[in-house]
Amino acid sequence: MRRRIIMSTLAGVTLVASTLLGAAPAQSADVPAEFGTDWHDPVTAAPPVARPDTKSCDVTVAEAQFRDFTPYKGTYAPPRGCGDRWSKVVLRLDGKVKGRQFDRLGYLHIGGVEVFRSSTPQPSPDGIEWSVEKDVTRYSDTFREDQDVEMLIGNVVDDTYTGIIDVKVTLSFYAGEFYEGEPAGTLHKGEPAAKKTPDRVLTLQDGTLTTPRNSERIVAEVYATGSGGGCEEYWYLTVPDAAPYSCKAGGGPYREVQIKVDGRLAGIAAPFPTVWTGGWSNPFLWYVIPGPRAFDIKPVEYDLTPFAGLLNDGRPHRIDVSVVGVPEGQAGWSTPVNVLVWQDAKSKHVTGKLTAHRAGDLDNSSTYTPGSEHRLDTVAGHRLTVAGYVDTSHGRVKTSVDRRLANTSVHRWTDGENTDALKGTWTDDETVTVDGRGPAKSTRTHRTYTMDGTTTLGAGDRLRTVLSLGDRAAVEDTRGGRRTAWSRLDDSYTGDATYTANVPRDQRHAVGATSERYRLYGSGGCHDRTLVTVQGTLTEDRTDC
């Protein structure tokens, strides 16, 4: 099977269909023998955004139909009646599409700030509807003023691809400490406005950043996505030039998102191996349950506070984001940057200094072993430690950031790529320690991403994909060495779907079973939901907390 067949629909490849081989769950009378012309609307097991019990105001940000690559442009005005210090702001996208269409990638900018990035589900001929919610309270600074709005879900509509993507995006604002027209200090039940919300949200200007001179904490976020239909959509499957495979990258499949300040390495991160809703050659895996993060693409974050003393000099500083491992001159990655800033209201100028910068060597080894089944073993990793201090109105505050990345994977394939398999693990461990007033505070985050899948093209052009994905994180906050908060995330997806390739849609005889279990628990509570589908029918929806 050539790569032109098994690429995702984001690559602009003709869609084909599926049929499940092997054992399948027992079917009820309500489960069809194979996929039909309609199926359950897309759904995820992730928890809805918690909303406070306070007065709320809604603002429609965008309402558009996407037929091509023309952005929607509009304007935004802040809500009236809920004040301007909100306890929470929730974004909701409602979408619908029917006919035939690829999965598409989209973004929403308000005032130039990227507040949302998402991909779309693939529709049934009869049509689907879906929704996505996101907590966007961190962008409150942007929402307090009138802003320009730009949204794009690049699409192609013609005689073959008929799906017009129809979306509406709404922001819901929940009042914080007081309502408009009431005196400050008039308290209401709900979540109070918190210092956790940044004072400023900045974007780069011609690749440079100028921070307020009294910045005491600085965090950059990058919505890094490999997409666009080329091999970087499947970066984890790329191989060195010596190996006989259709997607090449001289350094192999290791990718790392780096951020630099004035040319100096300031942060490293592992990109999440997102699988879009046409991924792994098999849209029947994703019609109802998308892979982790496919609908809500989370940015990678970098704590740049150790560089605050340098950045606070009032001059623009160069900020560069790059993806290690991408072949020179090859497109396929998008890396928009927002910068979140917390200010010291009692200081006009916060000074400081970078006191430590230790960048380890980037280890990246891919070993190719030829044979009837080709094999590529990859082992890679990197470490960076930075530290610095700022002198604030409440004393000197020291911040250190230690980050360690690691990747191991085994890629196996046959001549012609009729069998193509990958088993990979990515870890991203980060410790941020802040030492100022009182005992030192530390946040340790251990992220683990996993992928284990095989696609085979067998007799009768039956294409089968068996795949499991994992998005896991363990977070622990300590103060003075004593744990103050903790959480565990385990978002696990499994799928097995088969169809007849290279035939018209009504001849694919596709079957498939998929499931997702999303567990989030810790000192803040518990969420545990399991979804199961067979042939596009939701057969189980269970909550265990």
Protein backbone atom coordinates (compact mmCIF):
# COMPACT_ATOMS: atom_id res chain seq x y z
CA MET A 1 0.00 0.00 0.00
CA ARG A 2 1.53 3.23 -1.10
CA ARG A 3 1.66 6.29 1.14
CA ARG A 4 -0.65 8.18 -1.21
CA ILE A 5 -3.39 5.72 -0.17
CA ILE A 6 -2.87 5.65 3.55
CA MET A 7 -2.39 9.36 4.25
CA SER A 8 -5.10 11.18 6.16
CA THR A 9 -7.83 13.11 4.42
CA LEU A 10 -6.01 16.28 5.43
CA ALA A 11 -3.56 15.28 2.71
CA GLY A 12 -6.24 15.67 0.09
CA VAL A 13 -6.50 11.93 -0.55
CA THR A 14 -9.62 10.20 -1.82
CA LEU A 15 -11.59 8.69 1.06
CA VAL A 16 -12.08 4.94 1.21
CA ALA A 17 -14.08 2.71 3.60
CA SER A 18 -13.61 -0.03 6.34
CA THR A 19 -14.57 -3.51 7.79
CA LEU A 20 -13.66 -4.98 11.15
CA LEU A 21 -11.61 -8.16 11.17
CA GLY A 22 -11.35 -10.38 14.21
CA ALA A 23 -13.64 -10.49 17.21
CA ALA A 24 -16.22 -7.74 17.61
CA PRO A 25 -18.40 -6.84 20.59
CA ALA A 26 -21.76 -8.54 20.83
CA GLN A 27 -24.24 -6.52 18.79
CA SER A 28 -27.72 -5.52 19.81
CA ALA A 29 -30.59 -5.23 17.36
CA ASP A 30 -29.93 -1.49 17.20
CA VAL A 31 -26.39 -1.92 15.86
CA PRO A 32 -26.20 -2.17 12.06
CA ALA A 33 -24.16 -4.92 10.43
CA GLU A 34 -21.94 -2.24 8.85
CA PHE A 35 -21.68 1.54 8.57
CA GLY A 36 -24.62 3.13 6.79
CA THR A 37 -25.21 6.65 5.49
CA ASP A 38 -25.50 8.17 8.96
CA TRP A 39 -24.01 7.66 12.40
CA HIS A 40 -24.03 9.13 15.89
CA ASP A 41 -22.91 12.75 16.20
CA PRO A 42 -19.28 13.14 17.33
CA VAL A 43 -18.78 12.97 21.10
CA THR A 44 -15.83 12.85 23.49
CA ALA A 45 -15.50 11.51 27.02
CA ALA A 46 -13.77 14.67 28.27
CA PRO A 47 -15.57 16.60 31.03
CA PRO A 48 -17.54 19.73 30.19
CA VAL A 49 -16.05 23.00 31.39
CA ALA A 50 -17.19 23.67 34.97
CA ARG A 51 -19.22 26.87 35.17
CA PRO A 52 -19.64 29.00 38.30
CA ASP A 53 -23.03 29.81 39.77
CA THR A 54 -22.94 33.51 38.98
CA LYS A 55 -24.61 35.86 36.56
CA SER A 56 -23.51 35.18 32.97
CA CYS A 57 -23.51 37.07 29.67
CA ASP A 58 -23.11 35.59 26.18
CA VAL A 59 -21.43 37.15 23.16
CA THR A 60 -21.48 35.64 19.68
CA VAL A 61 -17.96 35.95 18.31
CA ALA A 62 -18.32 34.32 14.88
CA GLU A 63 -21.05 32.78 12.79
CA ALA A 64 -19.90 31.57 9.40
CA GLN A 65 -19.99 28.95 6.67
CA PHE A 66 -16.62 27.80 5.36
CA ARG A 67 -16.50 26.77 1.70
CA ASP A 68 -12.92 27.75 0.80
CA PHE A 69 -9.83 29.33 2.33
CA THR A 70 -11.35 32.79 2.84
CA PRO A 71 -11.21 33.79 6.53
CA TYR A 72 -14.27 35.02 8.34
CA LYS A 73 -13.65 38.56 9.60
CA GLY A 74 -15.76 40.34 12.14
CA THR A 75 -15.64 42.38 15.32
CA TYR A 76 -15.98 41.62 18.99
CA ALA A 77 -17.35 43.86 21.77
CA PRO A 78 -17.17 43.04 25.50
CA PRO A 79 -20.37 41.93 27.23
CA ARG A 80 -22.51 44.35 29.19
CA GLY A 81 -23.90 43.56 32.61
CA CYS A 82 -21.23 41.15 33.89
CA GLY A 83 -18.48 43.57 34.79
CA ASP A 84 -14.95 43.28 33.37
CA ARG A 85 -13.37 40.98 35.95
CA TRP A 86 -14.80 37.56 35.25
CA SER A 87 -14.49 34.41 37.31
CA LYS A 88 -14.57 32.34 34.12
CA VAL A 89 -14.90 32.74 30.36
CA VAL A 90 -16.04 29.72 28.35
CA LEU A 91 -15.78 29.38 24.59
CA ARG A 92 -18.24 27.11 22.80
CA LEU A 93 -18.12 26.10 19.15
CA ASP A 94 -21.23 24.55 17.60
CA GLY A 95 -20.75 23.05 14.16
CA LYS A 96 -22.64 21.10 11.55
CA VAL A 97 -21.79 19.63 8.15
CA LYS A 98 -23.23 17.01 5.81
CA GLY A 99 -22.27 15.33 2.57
CA ARG A 100 -18.67 14.40 1.83
CA GLN A 101 -15.70 16.29 3.24
CA PHE A 102 -12.19 15.90 4.59
CA ASP A 103 -11.16 16.73 8.13
CA ARG A 104 -10.13 20.37 8.25
CA LEU A 105 -7.95 22.40 10.62
CA GLY A 106 -9.14 25.74 11.93
CA TYR A 107 -8.29 28.63 14.24
CA LEU A 108 -9.94 31.60 15.94
CA HIS A 109 -8.09 34.87 16.56
CA ILE A 110 -9.48 37.68 18.70
CA GLY A 111 -7.38 40.82 18.67
CA GLY A 112 -4.62 38.80 17.00
CA VAL A 113 -4.53 36.34 19.93
CA GLU A 114 -5.09 32.69 19.04
CA VAL A 115 -7.74 31.61 21.53
CA PHE A 116 -8.80 28.35 19.87
CA ARG A 117 -7.45 25.78 17.42
CA SER A 118 -9.37 22.72 16.33
CA SER A 119 -9.93 20.15 13.62
CA THR A 120 -13.31 19.10 12.28
CA PRO A 121 -15.04 15.70 12.15
CA GLN A 122 -15.86 14.10 8.82
CA PRO A 123 -19.57 14.16 7.99
CA SER A 124 -22.08 11.49 7.06
CA PRO A 125 -24.15 11.98 3.91
CA ASP A 126 -27.14 12.73 6.17
CA GLY A 127 -25.20 15.24 8.27
CA ILE A 128 -23.69 15.58 11.75
CA GLU A 129 -23.54 18.20 14.49
CA TRP A 130 -20.90 18.61 17.15
CA SER A 131 -19.75 21.04 19.82
CA VAL A 132 -16.53 21.88 21.66
CA GLU A 133 -16.05 23.82 24.90
CA LYS A 134 -12.87 25.44 26.17
CA ASP A 135 -11.95 27.46 29.25
CA VAL A 136 -10.47 30.69 27.85
CA THR A 137 -10.38 32.72 31.07
CA ARG A 138 -6.63 33.24 30.62
CA TYR A 139 -7.37 35.56 27.67
CA SER A 140 -9.56 37.92 29.74
CA ASP A 141 -7.23 40.86 29.06
CA THR A 142 -7.98 40.51 25.35
CA PHE A 143 -11.73 40.30 25.94
CA ARG A 144 -11.96 43.61 27.84
CA GLU A 145 -11.71 45.74 24.69
CA ASP A 146 -13.28 45.88 21.24
CA GLN A 147 -11.29 43.61 18.94
CA ASP A 148 -11.07 42.38 15.39
CA VAL A 149 -12.02 38.73 14.89
CA GLU A 150 -10.57 36.33 12.33
CA MET A 151 -11.58 32.70 11.97
CA LEU A 152 -10.65 30.17 9.31
CA ILE A 153 -11.47 26.54 8.70
CA GLY A 154 -9.87 26.05 5.30
CA ASN A 155 -12.21 24.00 3.12
CA VAL A 156 -12.82 22.90 -0.47
CA VAL A 157 -16.35 22.51 -1.83
CA ASP A 158 -16.92 21.14 -5.33
CA ASP A 159 -18.85 18.39 -7.11
CA THR A 160 -17.02 15.72 -5.10
CA TYR A 161 -16.46 17.33 -1.69
CA THR A 162 -19.82 18.81 -0.87
CA GLY A 163 -19.61 19.47 2.87
CA ILE A 164 -20.02 23.12 3.85
CA ILE A 165 -18.77 23.64 7.41
CA ASP A 166 -21.26 25.74 9.35
CA VAL A 167 -20.10 27.03 12.75
CA LYS A 168 -21.10 29.40 15.52
CA VAL A 169 -18.72 30.46 18.30
CA THR A 170 -19.98 31.97 21.54
CA LEU A 171 -18.19 33.30 24.63
CA SER A 172 -19.97 33.00 27.99
CA PHE A 173 -18.75 35.42 30.68
CA TYR A 174 -19.36 34.66 34.35
CA ALA A 175 -19.32 37.62 36.70
CA GLY A 176 -16.55 37.68 39.27
CA GLU A 177 -16.36 39.83 42.36
CA PHE A 178 -19.07 42.30 41.43
CA TYR A 179 -21.62 43.10 38.77
CA GLU A 180 -21.64 46.16 36.57
CA GLY A 181 -23.15 49.10 38.41
CA GLU A 182 -22.39 47.70 41.86
CA PRO A 183 -19.64 48.96 44.13
CA ALA A 184 -16.42 47.02 44.37
CA GLY A 185 -16.55 44.59 47.27
CA THR A 186 -20.13 43.50 46.61
CA LEU A 187 -19.52 39.76 46.71
CA HIS A 188 -21.59 37.05 45.04
CA LYS A 189 -21.60 33.27 45.22
CA GLY A 190 -19.15 31.80 42.71
CA GLU A 191 -15.50 31.79 41.86
CA PRO A 192 -13.74 35.08 42.61
CA ALA A 193 -11.52 36.72 40.04
CA ALA A 194 -8.11 35.19 40.61
CA LYS A 195 -4.53 36.32 40.19
CA LYS A 196 -4.08 33.18 38.14
CA THR A 197 -5.46 35.17 35.21
CA PRO A 198 -2.68 37.04 33.36
CA ASP A 199 -2.71 40.83 33.41
CA ARG A 200 -1.68 41.04 29.76
CA VAL A 201 -1.92 38.78 26.73
CA LEU A 202 0.61 39.70 24.04
CA THR A 203 1.40 38.54 20.53
CA LEU A 204 4.66 38.85 18.64
CA GLN A 205 5.22 41.87 16.42
CA ASP A 206 7.41 40.99 13.43
CA GLY A 207 8.85 38.15 15.49
CA THR A 208 9.67 40.33 18.50
CA LEU A 209 8.26 40.72 21.99
CA THR A 210 8.18 43.85 24.14
CA THR A 211 6.97 43.14 27.66
CA PRO A 212 5.71 45.68 30.21
CA ARG A 213 8.70 46.75 32.32
CA ASN A 214 7.03 45.54 35.52
CA SER A 215 6.45 41.96 34.37
CA GLU A 216 7.10 39.47 37.17
CA ARG A 217 5.94 36.28 35.47
CA ILE A 218 6.03 35.46 31.75
CA VAL A 219 4.64 32.35 30.05
CA ALA A 220 4.69 31.66 26.30
CA GLU A 221 2.22 29.28 24.69
CA VAL A 222 2.57 27.79 21.21
CA TYR A 223 -0.23 26.06 19.33
CA ALA A 224 2.16 23.68 17.55
CA THR A 225 0.46 21.41 14.99
CA GLY A 226 1.92 19.24 12.28
CA SER A 227 -0.62 19.17 9.48
CA GLY A 228 -1.32 20.38 5.99
CA GLY A 229 -1.35 17.03 4.22
CA GLY A 230 2.37 16.40 3.84
CA CYS A 231 4.55 13.97 5.74
CA GLU A 232 4.76 16.27 8.78
CA GLU A 233 1.15 15.36 9.48
CA TYR A 234 2.62 11.91 10.20
CA TRP A 235 5.96 13.12 11.55
CA TYR A 236 6.18 10.14 13.94
CA LEU A 237 6.35 7.78 10.91
CA THR A 238 9.13 9.53 9.00
CA VAL A 239 12.40 7.66 8.37
CA PRO A 240 16.01 8.57 7.44
CA ASP A 241 16.89 8.76 3.75
CA ALA A 242 18.51 5.30 3.70
CA ALA A 243 15.27 3.49 4.56
CA PRO A 244 12.80 2.56 1.77
CA TYR A 245 9.72 4.41 2.97
CA SER A 246 7.56 7.11 1.43
CA CYS A 247 7.97 9.78 4.14
CA LYS A 248 11.56 10.90 4.64
CA ALA A 249 13.31 13.03 7.25
CA GLY A 250 17.08 12.95 7.56
CA GLY A 251 17.02 12.84 11.35
CA GLY A 252 14.15 10.37 11.59
CA PRO A 253 10.86 10.88 13.47
CA TYR A 254 12.02 12.84 16.53
CA ARG A 255 10.37 16.25 16.82
CA GLU A 256 10.87 18.90 19.49
CA VAL A 257 9.30 22.36 19.71
CA GLN A 258 11.90 24.91 20.79
CA ILE A 259 11.56 28.56 21.74
CA LYS A 260 14.51 30.97 21.75
CA VAL A 261 14.95 34.44 23.22
CA ASP A 262 17.42 36.56 21.27
CA GLY A 263 18.86 33.37 19.77
CA ARG A 264 19.29 31.59 23.10
CA LEU A 265 17.41 28.38 23.83
CA ALA A 266 14.73 29.26 26.39
CA GLY A 267 12.36 26.29 26.31
CA ILE A 268 11.85 22.80 24.91
CA ALA A 269 8.69 20.69 24.61
CA ALA A 270 7.44 17.46 23.10
CA PRO A 271 4.64 18.02 20.55
CA PHE A 272 1.52 15.96 21.08
CA PRO A 273 1.17 13.26 18.36
CA THR A 274 -2.32 14.34 17.31
CA VAL A 275 -4.23 12.03 14.99
CA TRP A 276 -6.79 13.95 12.96
CA THR A 277 -10.20 12.50 12.04
CA GLY A 278 -8.99 10.93 8.81
CA GLY A 279 -5.75 9.67 10.30
CA TRP A 280 -4.10 6.29 9.96
CA SER A 281 -5.81 5.71 6.61
CA ASN A 282 -9.11 5.11 8.29
CA PRO A 283 -11.85 7.73 8.83
CA PHE A 284 -14.13 5.00 10.25
CA LEU A 285 -12.04 5.08 13.43
CA TRP A 286 -13.05 8.67 14.13
CA TYR A 287 -16.59 9.26 12.92
CA VAL A 288 -18.04 9.29 16.45
CA ILE A 289 -15.09 9.42 18.88
CA PRO A 290 -12.14 11.60 17.83
CA GLY A 291 -8.60 10.95 19.01
CA PRO A 292 -7.36 12.83 22.10
CA ARG A 293 -7.09 16.60 21.58
CA ALA A 294 -8.29 16.49 17.96
CA PHE A 295 -11.17 18.90 18.69
CA ASP A 296 -9.37 21.02 21.30
CA ILE A 297 -5.72 21.47 20.41
CA LYS A 298 -3.81 22.48 23.51
CA PRO A 299 -0.75 24.73 23.28
CA VAL A 300 2.64 23.75 24.62
CA GLU A 301 3.72 26.13 27.37
CA TYR A 302 7.07 27.58 28.40
CA ASP A 303 7.75 29.45 31.63
CA LEU A 304 10.04 32.30 30.50
CA THR A 305 10.14 34.01 33.92
CA PRO A 306 13.91 33.35 34.30
CA PHE A 307 14.34 35.68 31.29
CA ALA A 308 12.13 38.45 32.74
CA GLY A 309 15.06 40.60 33.84
CA LEU A 310 16.29 40.65 30.24
CA LEU A 311 12.86 41.09 28.65
CA ASN A 312 11.85 43.96 30.96
CA ASP A 313 14.35 46.46 29.56
CA GLY A 314 11.69 48.14 27.42
CA ARG A 315 13.20 47.04 24.11
CA PRO A 316 11.86 44.46 21.63
CA HIS A 317 13.45 41.02 21.87
CA ARG A 318 13.56 38.37 19.18
CA ILE A 319 11.38 35.30 19.84
CA ASP A 320 11.86 32.31 17.55
CA VAL A 321 9.93 29.05 17.56
CA SER A 322 11.19 26.08 15.56
CA VAL A 323 10.49 22.37 15.28
CA VAL A 324 13.58 20.16 15.47
CA GLY A 325 13.67 17.35 12.90
CA VAL A 326 11.66 18.94 10.09
CA PRO A 327 13.61 18.60 6.81
CA GLU A 328 15.02 21.92 5.67
CA GLY A 329 12.65 23.85 3.46
CA GLN A 330 9.71 21.55 4.20
CA ALA A 331 6.42 23.02 5.36
CA GLY A 332 3.82 21.37 7.53
CA TRP A 333 4.01 22.97 10.99
CA SER A 334 2.06 25.88 12.40
CA THR A 335 3.45 27.54 15.55
CA PRO A 336 1.45 30.66 16.54
CA VAL A 337 2.64 32.24 19.81
CA ASN A 338 0.82 34.02 22.64
CA VAL A 339 2.65 35.48 25.64
CA LEU A 340 0.91 35.70 29.02
CA VAL A 341 2.23 38.29 31.47
CA TRP A 342 1.60 38.90 35.18
CA GLN A 343 2.62 42.39 36.36
CA ASP A 344 3.78 43.83 39.68
CA ALA A 345 1.25 46.61 40.20
CA LYS A 346 3.43 48.33 42.81
CA SER A 347 6.55 48.54 40.63
CA LYS A 348 7.27 50.54 37.51
CA HIS A 349 10.29 48.43 36.60
CA VAL A 350 10.97 44.87 37.73
CA THR A 351 14.64 44.08 37.30
CA GLY A 352 16.29 40.70 37.39
CA LYS A 353 18.87 38.36 35.95
CA LEU A 354 19.26 34.98 34.30
CA THR A 355 21.43 33.01 36.72
CA ALA A 356 21.63 29.54 35.16
CA HIS A 357 21.37 28.11 31.65
CA ARG A 358 22.28 24.47 31.09
CA ALA A 359 21.30 22.89 27.78
CA GLY A 360 22.20 19.23 27.42
CA ASP A 361 23.18 17.65 24.15
CA LEU A 362 20.27 16.63 21.95
CA ASP A 363 20.39 12.83 21.71
CA ASN A 364 18.72 11.47 18.59
CA SER A 365 19.46 8.03 17.23
CA SER A 366 17.44 6.17 14.57
CA THR A 367 18.68 2.70 13.61
CA TYR A 368 17.34 1.15 10.41
CA THR A 369 17.29 -2.64 10.04
CA PRO A 370 16.39 -3.97 6.55
CA GLY A 371 14.49 -7.18 5.95
CA SER A 372 11.21 -8.59 4.71
CA GLU A 373 9.83 -6.45 7.51
CA HIS A 374 11.77 -3.21 7.68
CA ARG A 375 12.37 -1.75 11.13
CA LEU A 376 13.40 1.65 12.50
CA ASP A 377 14.29 1.98 16.19
CA THR A 378 14.44 5.54 17.53
CA VAL A 379 15.74 6.72 20.88
CA ALA A 380 15.92 10.46 21.53
CA GLY A 381 15.91 13.00 24.35
CA HIS A 382 16.94 16.43 25.52
CA ARG A 383 17.25 18.39 28.77
CA LEU A 384 17.23 22.09 29.54
CA THR A 385 17.53 23.91 32.88
CA VAL A 386 17.15 27.67 33.23
CA ALA A 387 16.94 29.81 36.37
CA GLY A 388 16.73 33.47 37.22
CA TYR A 389 15.33 36.02 39.62
CA VAL A 390 13.25 39.19 39.61
CA ASP A 391 13.31 41.92 42.26
CA THR A 392 9.68 42.82 42.91
CA SER A 393 7.84 45.09 45.35
CA HIS A 394 7.38 42.02 47.55
CA GLY A 395 11.02 40.96 47.45
CA ARG A 396 13.30 38.85 45.30
CA VAL A 397 11.62 35.90 43.60
CA LYS A 398 13.70 33.10 42.12
CA THR A 399 12.34 30.82 39.42
CA SER A 400 13.94 27.67 38.04
CA VAL A 401 12.61 25.53 35.19
CA ASP A 402 13.92 22.03 34.52
CA ARG A 403 12.57 20.12 31.53
CA ARG A 404 13.44 16.66 30.23
CA LEU A 405 12.15 15.13 26.99
CA ALA A 406 12.41 11.53 25.82
CA ASN A 407 11.10 9.52 22.88
CA THR A 408 11.32 5.84 22.01
CA SER A 409 9.61 4.27 19.02
CA VAL A 410 9.68 1.17 16.84
CA HIS A 411 8.40 1.53 13.26
CA ARG A 412 7.84 -1.65 11.23
CA TRP A 413 6.68 -1.91 7.62
CA THR A 414 6.75 -4.23 4.61
CA ASP A 415 7.67 -3.54 1.00
CA GLY A 416 4.88 -1.51 -0.56
CA GLU A 417 3.80 -0.51 2.95
CA ASN A 418 0.92 -3.00 2.88
CA THR A 419 1.71 -3.42 6.58
CA ASP A 420 2.68 -0.28 8.48
CA ALA A 421 3.03 -0.26 12.27
CA LEU A 422 4.32 2.06 14.99
CA LYS A 423 4.71 1.75 18.73
CA GLY A 424 5.92 4.97 20.35
CA THR A 425 6.16 6.76 23.69
CA TRP A 426 6.92 10.42 24.32
CA THR A 427 7.58 11.88 27.78
CA ASP A 428 7.83 15.53 28.77
CA ASP A 429 8.80 16.07 32.42
CA GLU A 430 8.88 19.59 33.83
CA THR A 431 9.57 21.03 37.27
CA VAL A 432 9.01 24.74 37.96
CA THR A 433 10.17 26.00 41.37
CA VAL A 434 9.37 29.50 42.66
CA ASP A 435 11.18 30.73 45.77
CA GLY A 436 10.03 34.07 47.15
CA ARG A 437 7.94 35.00 50.13
CA GLY A 438 7.40 31.99 52.36
CA PRO A 439 8.36 28.39 51.58
CA ALA A 440 9.36 27.53 48.01
CA LYS A 441 6.54 26.38 45.71
CA SER A 442 7.12 23.65 43.16
CA THR A 443 4.97 22.22 40.37
CA ARG A 444 6.03 18.91 38.86
CA THR A 445 4.35 17.75 35.66
CA HIS A 446 4.97 14.34 34.08
CA ARG A 447 3.39 14.04 30.61
CA THR A 448 3.27 10.77 28.68
CA TYR A 449 1.91 10.31 25.15
CA THR A 450 1.56 6.84 23.60
CA MET A 451 0.66 5.41 20.20
CA ASP A 452 0.43 1.75 19.18
CA GLY A 453 -1.08 1.00 15.81
CA THR A 454 -0.97 -1.18 12.71
CA THR A 455 -2.51 -0.66 9.28
CA THR A 456 -2.69 -3.59 6.87
CA LEU A 457 -4.00 -3.92 3.31
CA GLY A 458 -5.07 -7.53 2.80
CA ALA A 459 -6.96 -9.74 0.38
CA GLY A 460 -9.73 -8.04 -1.55
CA ASP A 461 -8.24 -4.62 -0.72
CA ARG A 462 -9.57 -4.89 2.79
CA LEU A 463 -7.81 -2.20 4.83
CA ARG A 464 -7.72 -2.68 8.58
CA THR A 465 -6.38 -0.30 11.22
CA VAL A 466 -5.97 -1.26 14.88
CA LEU A 467 -4.85 1.64 17.02
CA SER A 468 -4.56 2.77 20.64
CA LEU A 469 -3.64 6.28 21.81
CA GLY A 470 -2.87 7.66 25.25
CA ASP A 471 -2.68 11.16 26.70
CA ARG A 472 -1.55 11.03 30.34
CA ALA A 473 -0.33 13.59 32.86
CA ALA A 474 0.51 13.63 36.56
CA VAL A 475 0.75 17.02 38.27
CA GLU A 476 1.83 17.68 41.84
CA ASP A 477 2.09 21.03 43.65
CA THR A 478 4.19 21.30 46.79
CA ARG A 479 5.02 24.13 49.17
CA GLY A 480 7.90 23.78 51.55
CA GLY A 481 8.16 20.15 50.50
CA ARG A 482 4.55 19.31 51.45
CA ARG A 483 1.98 18.41 48.80
CA THR A 484 -0.77 20.99 48.44
CA ALA A 485 -2.58 19.75 45.30
CA TRP A 486 -2.38 16.92 42.77
CA SER A 487 -4.12 15.53 39.70
CA ARG A 488 -3.93 12.58 37.32
CA LEU A 489 -5.15 12.52 33.72
CA ASP A 490 -5.56 9.35 31.66
CA ASP A 491 -7.30 9.79 28.30
CA SER A 492 -7.17 6.46 26.43
CA TYR A 493 -8.55 5.71 22.97
CA THR A 494 -8.78 2.34 21.17
CA GLY A 495 -10.12 1.55 17.71
CA ASP A 496 -10.35 -1.30 15.21
CA ALA A 497 -11.95 -0.65 11.82
CA THR A 498 -11.86 -2.22 8.37
CA TYR A 499 -13.21 -1.34 4.93
CA THR A 500 -12.72 -2.14 1.25
CA ALA A 501 -10.34 0.41 -0.26
CA ASN A 502 -10.45 2.00 -3.70
CA VAL A 503 -14.17 1.46 -4.32
CA PRO A 504 -17.18 3.81 -4.30
CA ARG A 505 -18.52 4.80 -0.93
CA ASP A 506 -21.53 2.46 -1.01
CA GLN A 507 -19.30 -0.56 -1.67
CA ARG A 508 -16.90 -0.22 1.26
CA HIS A 509 -18.80 -2.48 3.69
CA ALA A 510 -17.15 -0.79 6.64
CA VAL A 511 -17.32 -2.02 10.22
CA GLY A 512 -15.51 -0.80 13.30
CA ALA A 513 -15.48 -0.58 17.08
CA THR A 514 -13.98 2.33 19.03
CA SER A 515 -13.82 3.37 22.67
CA GLU A 516 -12.53 6.16 24.88
CA ARG A 517 -12.08 6.32 28.62
CA TYR A 518 -11.26 9.74 30.08
CA ARG A 519 -10.21 9.77 33.74
CA LEU A 520 -9.28 12.95 35.60
CA TYR A 521 -9.00 12.77 39.37
CA GLY A 522 -7.11 14.27 42.27
CA SER A 523 -7.49 16.87 44.97
CA GLY A 524 -9.93 18.79 42.78
CA GLY A 525 -12.41 15.96 42.31
CA CYS A 526 -13.06 13.13 39.86
CA HIS A 527 -14.30 12.59 36.30
CA ASP A 528 -14.44 9.10 34.77
CA ARG A 529 -16.42 8.54 31.57
CA THR A 530 -16.32 5.67 29.07
CA LEU A 531 -17.75 5.69 25.53
CA VAL A 532 -18.04 2.68 23.19
CA THR A 533 -19.23 2.62 19.57
CA VAL A 534 -19.90 -0.14 17.04
CA GLN A 535 -20.55 0.70 13.36
CA GLY A 536 -21.08 4.34 14.29
CA THR A 537 -23.69 3.52 16.96
CA LEU A 538 -23.02 4.63 20.52
CA THR A 539 -23.45 1.40 22.50
CA GLU A 540 -22.12 2.51 25.89
CA ASP A 541 -21.88 5.80 27.75
CA ARG A 542 -20.88 5.18 31.36
CA THR A 543 -19.81 7.53 34.15
CA ASP A 544 -18.06 5.95 37.12
CA CYS A 545 -17.31 8.88 39.45
